C-alpha atoms as a PDB file:
ATOM      1  CA  MET A   1     -82.841  25.284  20.893  1.00  0.00           C
ATOM      2  CA  SER A   2     -81.646  28.034  23.248  1.00  0.00           C
ATOM      3  CA  THR A   3     -84.040  26.893  25.965  1.00  0.00           C
ATOM      4  CA  SER A   4     -82.765  23.346  25.891  1.00  0.00           C
ATOM      5  CA  GLY A   5     -79.185  24.651  25.964  1.00  0.00           C
ATOM      6  CA  GLU A   6     -79.914  26.695  29.097  1.00  0.00           C
ATOM      7  CA  GLU A   7     -81.513  23.681  30.768  1.00  0.00           C
ATOM      8  CA  GLU A   8     -78.403  21.639  30.034  1.00  0.00           C
ATOM      9  CA  MET A   9     -76.101  24.306  31.447  1.00  0.00           C
ATOM     10  CA  THR A  10     -77.976  24.711  34.751  1.00  0.00           C
ATOM     11  CA  PRO A  11     -77.288  21.291  36.275  1.00  0.00           C
ATOM     12  CA  LYS A  12     -73.647  21.479  35.156  1.00  0.00           C
ATOM     13  CA  THR A  13     -73.154  24.730  37.076  1.00  0.00           C
ATOM     14  CA  LYS A  14     -74.839  23.312  40.147  1.00  0.00           C
ATOM     15  CA  HIS A  15     -72.746  20.165  39.946  1.00  0.00           C
ATOM     16  CA  SER A  16     -69.509  22.138  39.676  1.00  0.00           C
ATOM     17  CA  GLU A  17     -70.410  24.171  42.778  1.00  0.00           C
ATOM     18  CA  GLU A  18     -71.109  21.005  44.746  1.00  0.00           C
ATOM     19  CA  THR A  19     -67.848  19.500  43.510  1.00  0.00           C
ATOM     20  CA  ARG A  20     -65.901  22.556  44.656  1.00  0.00           C
ATOM     21  CA  LYS A  21     -67.435  22.249  48.132  1.00  0.00           C
ATOM     22  CA  VAL A  22     -66.530  18.565  48.296  1.00  0.00           C
ATOM     23  CA  LEU A  23     -62.952  19.204  47.191  1.00  0.00           C
ATOM     24  CA  LEU A  24     -62.530  22.157  49.552  1.00  0.00           C
ATOM     25  CA  SER A  25     -63.666  20.113  52.550  1.00  0.00           C
ATOM     26  CA  LEU A  26     -61.447  17.257  51.381  1.00  0.00           C
ATOM     27  CA  HIS A  27     -58.360  19.480  51.136  1.00  0.00           C
ATOM     28  CA  VAL A  28     -58.988  20.979  54.579  1.00  0.00           C
ATOM     29  CA  ASN A  29     -59.407  17.506  56.052  1.00  0.00           C
ATOM     30  CA  VAL A  30     -56.194  16.271  54.441  1.00  0.00           C
ATOM     31  CA  ALA A  31     -54.269  19.237  55.883  1.00  0.00           C
ATOM     32  CA  LEU A  32     -55.754  18.670  59.345  1.00  0.00           C
ATOM     33  CA  HIS A  33     -55.015  14.968  59.195  1.00  0.00           C
ATOM     34  CA  SER A  34     -51.419  15.554  58.144  1.00  0.00           C
ATOM     35  CA  ALA A  35     -50.996  17.954  61.068  1.00  0.00           C
ATOM     36  CA  CYS A  36     -52.511  15.396  63.464  1.00  0.00           C
ATOM     37  CA  VAL A  37     -50.208  12.646  62.195  1.00  0.00           C
ATOM     38  CA  PHE A  38     -47.115  14.664  62.996  1.00  0.00           C
ATOM     39  CA  MET A  39     -48.540  15.974  66.269  1.00  0.00           C
ATOM     40  CA  GLN A  40     -49.064  12.449  67.548  1.00  0.00           C
ATOM     41  CA  GLY A  41     -45.686  11.496  66.117  1.00  0.00           C
ATOM     42  CA  ILE A  42     -43.980  14.169  68.234  1.00  0.00           C
ATOM     43  CA  ALA A  43     -45.943  13.083  71.314  1.00  0.00           C
ATOM     44  CA  PHE A  44     -45.144   9.436  70.574  1.00  0.00           C
ATOM     45  CA  THR A  45     -41.421  10.239  70.531  1.00  0.00           C
ATOM     46  CA  TYR A  46     -41.563  12.186  73.813  1.00  0.00           C
ATOM     47  CA  LEU A  47     -43.569   9.440  75.518  1.00  0.00           C
ATOM     48  CA  SER A  48     -41.131   6.794  74.334  1.00  0.00           C
ATOM     49  CA  LYS A  49     -38.251   8.717  75.881  1.00  0.00           C
ATOM     50  CA  LYS A  50     -40.145   9.178  79.149  1.00  0.00           C
ATOM     51  CA  LEU A  51     -40.858   5.454  79.301  1.00  0.00           C
ATOM     52  CA  ASP A  52     -37.164   4.671  78.678  1.00  0.00           C
ATOM     53  CA  VAL A  53     -37.820   2.780  75.473  1.00  0.00           C
ATOM     54  CA  SER A  54     -34.625   1.173  74.208  1.00  0.00           C
ATOM     55  CA  PRO A  55     -33.466   1.612  70.592  1.00  0.00           C
ATOM     56  CA  THR A  56     -34.417  -1.993  69.871  1.00  0.00           C
ATOM     57  CA  VAL A  57     -37.959  -1.576  71.185  1.00  0.00           C
ATOM     58  CA  TRP A  58     -38.204   1.748  69.350  1.00  0.00           C
ATOM     59  CA  GLY A  59     -37.406  -0.141  66.166  1.00  0.00           C
ATOM     60  CA  TYR A  60     -40.091  -2.697  66.983  1.00  0.00           C
ATOM     61  CA  LEU A  61     -42.622   0.088  67.489  1.00  0.00           C
ATOM     62  CA  ASN A  62     -41.864   1.614  64.097  1.00  0.00           C
ATOM     63  CA  THR A  63     -41.944  -1.807  62.467  1.00  0.00           C
ATOM     64  CA  CYS A  64     -45.350  -2.406  64.043  1.00  0.00           C
ATOM     65  CA  THR A  65     -46.576   0.886  62.569  1.00  0.00           C
ATOM     66  CA  ALA A  66     -45.329  -0.025  59.100  1.00  0.00           C
ATOM     67  CA  LEU A  67     -46.803  -3.520  59.372  1.00  0.00           C
ATOM     68  CA  CYS A  68     -50.220  -2.123  60.298  1.00  0.00           C
ATOM     69  CA  HIS A  69     -50.182   0.115  57.222  1.00  0.00           C
ATOM     70  CA  LEU A  70     -49.065  -2.781  55.027  1.00  0.00           C
ATOM     71  CA  VAL A  71     -51.744  -5.165  56.270  1.00  0.00           C
ATOM     72  CA  GLY A  72     -54.468  -2.536  56.258  1.00  0.00           C
ATOM     73  CA  SER A  73     -53.939  -1.224  52.724  1.00  0.00           C
ATOM     74  CA  PRO A  74     -55.700  -4.031  50.789  1.00  0.00           C
ATOM     75  CA  ILE A  75     -58.433  -4.292  53.431  1.00  0.00           C
ATOM     76  CA  TYR A  76     -59.020  -0.553  53.253  1.00  0.00           C
ATOM     77  CA  GLY A  77     -59.094  -0.611  49.469  1.00  0.00           C
ATOM     78  CA  ARG A  78     -61.749  -3.312  49.486  1.00  0.00           C
ATOM     79  CA  PHE A  79     -63.741  -1.369  52.073  1.00  0.00           C
ATOM     80  CA  GLY A  80     -63.638   1.689  49.814  1.00  0.00           C
ATOM     81  CA  ASP A  81     -64.864  -0.358  46.842  1.00  0.00           C
ATOM     82  CA  LEU A  82     -67.811  -1.654  48.849  1.00  0.00           C
ATOM     83  CA  TYR A  83     -68.855   1.447  50.781  1.00  0.00           C
ATOM     84  CA  GLY A  84     -67.404   4.417  48.898  1.00  0.00           C
ATOM     85  CA  GLY A  85     -64.873   7.130  49.589  1.00  0.00           C
ATOM     86  CA  ARG A  86     -67.001   8.937  52.163  1.00  0.00           C
ATOM     87  CA  LEU A  87     -67.121   6.068  54.653  1.00  0.00           C
ATOM     88  CA  ALA A  88     -63.541   5.104  53.813  1.00  0.00           C
ATOM     89  CA  LEU A  89     -62.312   8.584  54.754  1.00  0.00           C
ATOM     90  CA  ALA A  90     -64.457   8.628  57.883  1.00  0.00           C
ATOM     91  CA  LEU A  91     -62.951   5.275  58.889  1.00  0.00           C
ATOM     92  CA  SER A  92     -59.429   6.670  58.441  1.00  0.00           C
ATOM     93  CA  PHE A  93     -60.116   9.730  60.567  1.00  0.00           C
ATOM     94  CA  LEU A  94     -61.862   7.591  63.178  1.00  0.00           C
ATOM     95  CA  SER A  95     -58.841   5.290  63.397  1.00  0.00           C
ATOM     96  CA  MET A  96     -56.647   8.362  63.889  1.00  0.00           C
ATOM     97  CA  PHE A  97     -58.967   9.460  66.698  1.00  0.00           C
ATOM     98  CA  VAL A  98     -58.628   6.063  68.404  1.00  0.00           C
ATOM     99  CA  THR A  99     -54.841   6.089  67.981  1.00  0.00           C
ATOM    100  CA  CYS A 100     -54.491   9.536  69.545  1.00  0.00           C
ATOM    101  CA  SER A 101     -56.922   8.667  72.339  1.00  0.00           C
ATOM    102  CA  LEU A 102     -54.952   5.541  73.249  1.00  0.00           C
ATOM    103  CA  LEU A 103     -51.709   7.479  73.098  1.00  0.00           C
ATOM    104  CA  ALA A 104     -53.174  10.159  75.376  1.00  0.00           C
ATOM    105  CA  VAL A 105     -53.618   7.606  78.171  1.00  0.00           C
ATOM    106  CA  ALA A 106     -50.491   5.566  77.420  1.00  0.00           C
ATOM    107  CA  ASP A 107     -48.395   4.941  80.528  1.00  0.00           C
ATOM    108  CA  SER A 108     -46.476   1.830  79.488  1.00  0.00           C
ATOM    109  CA  VAL A 109     -44.623   0.363  76.538  1.00  0.00           C
ATOM    110  CA  ARG A 110     -47.483  -2.085  76.031  1.00  0.00           C
ATOM    111  CA  MET A 111     -49.887   0.820  75.535  1.00  0.00           C
ATOM    112  CA  LEU A 112     -47.526   2.297  72.961  1.00  0.00           C
ATOM    113  CA  PHE A 113     -47.786  -0.920  70.959  1.00  0.00           C
ATOM    114  CA  ILE A 114     -51.568  -1.040  71.360  1.00  0.00           C
ATOM    115  CA  SER A 115     -51.865   2.550  70.126  1.00  0.00           C
ATOM    116  CA  ARG A 116     -50.304   1.467  66.809  1.00  0.00           C
ATOM    117  CA  LEU A 117     -52.973  -1.145  66.027  1.00  0.00           C
ATOM    118  CA  PRO A 118     -55.756   1.233  64.849  1.00  0.00           C
ATOM    119  CA  MET A 119     -53.350   2.485  62.177  1.00  0.00           C
ATOM    120  CA  ILE A 120     -54.435  -0.524  60.122  1.00  0.00           C
ATOM    121  CA  PHE A 121     -57.277   1.651  58.821  1.00  0.00           C
ATOM    122  CA  MET A 122     -55.439   4.981  58.830  1.00  0.00           C
ATOM    123  CA  GLN A 123     -55.145   5.204  55.027  1.00  0.00           C
ATOM    124  CA  VAL A 124     -56.214   8.778  54.360  1.00  0.00           C
ATOM    125  CA  MET A 125     -54.408   9.395  51.070  1.00  0.00           C
ATOM    126  CA  PRO A 126     -56.021   6.415  49.276  1.00  0.00           C
ATOM    127  CA  GLY A 127     -59.376   7.503  50.706  1.00  0.00           C
ATOM    128  CA  ALA A 128     -58.836  11.063  49.482  1.00  0.00           C
ATOM    129  CA  HIS A 129     -57.957   9.770  46.027  1.00  0.00           C
ATOM    130  CA  MET A 130     -61.189   7.741  46.005  1.00  0.00           C
ATOM    131  CA  VAL A 131     -63.217  10.888  46.647  1.00  0.00           C
ATOM    132  CA  VAL A 132     -61.286  12.885  44.039  1.00  0.00           C
ATOM    133  CA  ALA A 133     -61.757  10.139  41.444  1.00  0.00           C
ATOM    134  CA  ASP A 134     -65.508  10.081  42.059  1.00  0.00           C
ATOM    135  CA  ALA A 135     -66.010  13.854  42.293  1.00  0.00           C
ATOM    136  CA  THR A 136     -63.986  15.013  39.273  1.00  0.00           C
ATOM    137  CA  ASP A 137     -63.869  14.382  35.552  1.00  0.00           C
ATOM    138  CA  ASP A 138     -60.818  13.515  33.483  1.00  0.00           C
ATOM    139  CA  ALA A 139     -59.983  17.156  32.763  1.00  0.00           C
ATOM    140  CA  SER A 140     -59.858  18.333  36.398  1.00  0.00           C
ATOM    141  CA  ARG A 141     -58.721  15.162  38.158  1.00  0.00           C
ATOM    142  CA  SER A 142     -54.961  15.721  37.932  1.00  0.00           C
ATOM    143  CA  ASP A 143     -55.281  19.244  39.350  1.00  0.00           C
ATOM    144  CA  ALA A 144     -57.394  18.007  42.273  1.00  0.00           C
ATOM    145  CA  MET A 145     -54.952  15.163  42.971  1.00  0.00           C
ATOM    146  CA  GLY A 146     -52.066  17.629  43.026  1.00  0.00           C
ATOM    147  CA  LYS A 147     -53.860  19.865  45.507  1.00  0.00           C
ATOM    148  CA  VAL A 148     -54.391  16.896  47.815  1.00  0.00           C
ATOM    149  CA  GLY A 149     -50.623  16.505  48.000  1.00  0.00           C
ATOM    150  CA  MET A 150     -50.168  20.250  48.461  1.00  0.00           C
ATOM    151  CA  PHE A 151     -52.554  20.408  51.422  1.00  0.00           C
ATOM    152  CA  PHE A 152     -50.890  17.356  52.933  1.00  0.00           C
ATOM    153  CA  GLY A 153     -47.658  19.346  52.790  1.00  0.00           C
ATOM    154  CA  ILE A 154     -49.338  22.294  54.511  1.00  0.00           C
ATOM    155  CA  GLY A 155     -50.321  20.020  57.378  1.00  0.00           C
ATOM    156  CA  LEU A 156     -46.781  18.684  57.437  1.00  0.00           C
ATOM    157  CA  LEU A 157     -45.560  22.230  58.117  1.00  0.00           C
ATOM    158  CA  ILE A 158     -48.119  22.918  60.857  1.00  0.00           C
ATOM    159  CA  GLY A 159     -48.119  19.563  62.668  1.00  0.00           C
ATOM    160  CA  PRO A 160     -44.524  19.276  63.934  1.00  0.00           C
ATOM    161  CA  VAL A 161     -44.449  22.883  65.142  1.00  0.00           C
ATOM    162  CA  SER A 162     -47.791  22.562  66.945  1.00  0.00           C
ATOM    163  CA  GLY A 163     -46.942  19.163  68.396  1.00  0.00           C
ATOM    164  CA  GLY A 164     -43.534  20.278  69.631  1.00  0.00           C
ATOM    165  CA  TRP A 165     -44.894  23.475  71.187  1.00  0.00           C
ATOM    166  CA  LEU A 166     -47.764  21.717  72.979  1.00  0.00           C
ATOM    167  CA  SER A 167     -45.515  18.914  74.226  1.00  0.00           C
ATOM    168  CA  GLU A 168     -42.882  21.332  75.505  1.00  0.00           C
ATOM    169  CA  HIS A 169     -45.179  23.863  77.183  1.00  0.00           C
ATOM    170  CA  TYR A 170     -47.931  21.511  78.348  1.00  0.00           C
ATOM    171  CA  SER A 171     -47.653  17.737  77.942  1.00  0.00           C
ATOM    172  CA  GLU A 172     -47.513  14.974  75.381  1.00  0.00           C
ATOM    173  CA  HIS A 173     -50.919  13.786  76.557  1.00  0.00           C
ATOM    174  CA  LEU A 174     -52.514  17.156  75.787  1.00  0.00           C
ATOM    175  CA  THR A 175     -50.965  17.057  72.320  1.00  0.00           C
ATOM    176  CA  CYS A 176     -52.659  13.718  71.724  1.00  0.00           C
ATOM    177  CA  VAL A 177     -55.970  15.026  73.076  1.00  0.00           C
ATOM    178  CA  VAL A 178     -55.845  17.976  70.653  1.00  0.00           C
ATOM    179  CA  ALA A 179     -55.007  15.655  67.751  1.00  0.00           C
ATOM    180  CA  ALA A 180     -57.853  13.333  68.768  1.00  0.00           C
ATOM    181  CA  GLY A 181     -60.297  16.244  68.872  1.00  0.00           C
ATOM    182  CA  LEU A 182     -59.229  17.424  65.419  1.00  0.00           C
ATOM    183  CA  SER A 183     -59.575  13.885  64.059  1.00  0.00           C
ATOM    184  CA  LEU A 184     -63.106  13.638  65.413  1.00  0.00           C
ATOM    185  CA  LEU A 185     -63.879  16.994  63.787  1.00  0.00           C
ATOM    186  CA  GLN A 186     -62.686  15.576  60.476  1.00  0.00           C
ATOM    187  CA  VAL A 187     -65.142  12.695  60.772  1.00  0.00           C
ATOM    188  CA  VAL A 188     -67.953  15.218  61.205  1.00  0.00           C
ATOM    189  CA  LEU A 189     -66.764  17.319  58.246  1.00  0.00           C
ATOM    190  CA  VAL A 190     -66.613  14.287  55.969  1.00  0.00           C
ATOM    191  CA  MET A 191     -70.112  13.160  56.885  1.00  0.00           C
ATOM    192  CA  MET A 192     -71.428  16.698  56.367  1.00  0.00           C
ATOM    193  CA  PHE A 193     -69.783  17.726  53.094  1.00  0.00           C
ATOM    194  CA  VAL A 194     -68.884  14.554  51.184  1.00  0.00           C
ATOM    195  CA  PRO A 195     -71.923  12.930  49.514  1.00  0.00           C
ATOM    196  CA  ALA A 196     -72.608   9.300  50.255  1.00  0.00           C
ATOM    197  CA  GLN A 197     -72.835   8.499  46.546  1.00  0.00           C
ATOM    198  CA  MET A 198     -71.101  10.397  43.776  1.00  0.00           C
ATOM    199  CA  LYS A 199     -69.987   7.943  41.135  1.00  0.00           C
ATOM    200  CA  PRO A 200     -73.353   6.158  40.699  1.00  0.00           C
ATOM    201  CA  VAL A 201     -75.059   9.532  40.210  1.00  0.00           C
ATOM    202  CA  LYS A 202     -72.655  10.363  37.410  1.00  0.00           C
ATOM    203  CA  GLN A 203     -73.322   7.015  35.774  1.00  0.00           C
ATOM    204  CA  ASP A 204     -77.071   7.630  35.891  1.00  0.00           C
ATOM    205  CA  GLU A 205     -76.556  11.068  34.319  1.00  0.00           C
ATOM    206  CA  ASN A 206     -74.459   9.532  31.550  1.00  0.00           C
ATOM    207  CA  ARG A 207     -77.123   6.897  30.914  1.00  0.00           C
ATOM    208  CA  THR A 208     -79.781   9.623  30.731  1.00  0.00           C
ATOM    209  CA  LYS A 209     -77.730  11.661  28.279  1.00  0.00           C
ATOM    210  CA  SER A 210     -77.012   8.620  26.123  1.00  0.00           C
ATOM    211  CA  GLY A 211     -80.714   7.775  26.150  1.00  0.00           C
ATOM    212  CA  GLN A 212     -81.584  11.302  25.036  1.00  0.00           C
ATOM    213  CA  CYS A 213     -79.047  11.088  22.212  1.00  0.00           C
ATOM    214  CA  THR A 214     -80.539   7.771  21.110  1.00  0.00           C
ATOM    215  CA  LYS A 215     -84.026   9.279  21.036  1.00  0.00           C
ATOM    216  CA  ILE A 216     -82.762  12.185  18.935  1.00  0.00           C
ATOM    217  CA  GLN A 217     -81.119   9.777  16.490  1.00  0.00           C
ATOM    218  CA  TYR A 218     -84.304   7.734  16.166  1.00  0.00           C
ATOM    219  CA  ALA A 219     -86.319  10.910  15.663  1.00  0.00           C
ATOM    220  CA  GLY A 220     -83.936  12.013  12.936  1.00  0.00           C
ATOM    221  CA  THR A 221     -84.148   8.705  11.112  1.00  0.00           C
ATOM    222  CA  SER A 222     -87.928   8.666  11.309  1.00  0.00           C
END
């Protein structure tokens, strides 16, 4: 009996270590993304002032941003259902990379509007929640969800300061280039540390365990 108990404990320990790595990379990525969002937001504001954007057009730009998020949310959710949290997160970070890259070369109001369009797929928090839901069990899920919000707040503290400093001492375009580079790094980190499939593996393990329990019951009855 002790041998079988040790065999059962070994995969659980390994799984928990892998889960911790996934969650750690996820939290770091969320913090970096939050910082990039506010860095490009600072640069976006400076560029709008340089291009003499009127208050009315500024309102249109912000409405365009909100509309992209609104339209993209159900599309992104469906994409996550079909392809999993890993690719969903990578898509979000990639859209942030495209947004920052377009903003880095923006020299007209039209380019400012175009730079908002990739934000349709910039839905990092839903993507992060997908990964947390797949990687954790019921007991640890609320704690992991809370840490996602905490690391988003950490990025919120770092992003505006970094974006303002880079824009003031260098240029708004360099701020966007830095944010684009960090976003591309996040894509790499997601593909490296977040497994392609997590939830199906858990289901297979549950089926295996239930099958073992059924065999034990049949053995007991016989």
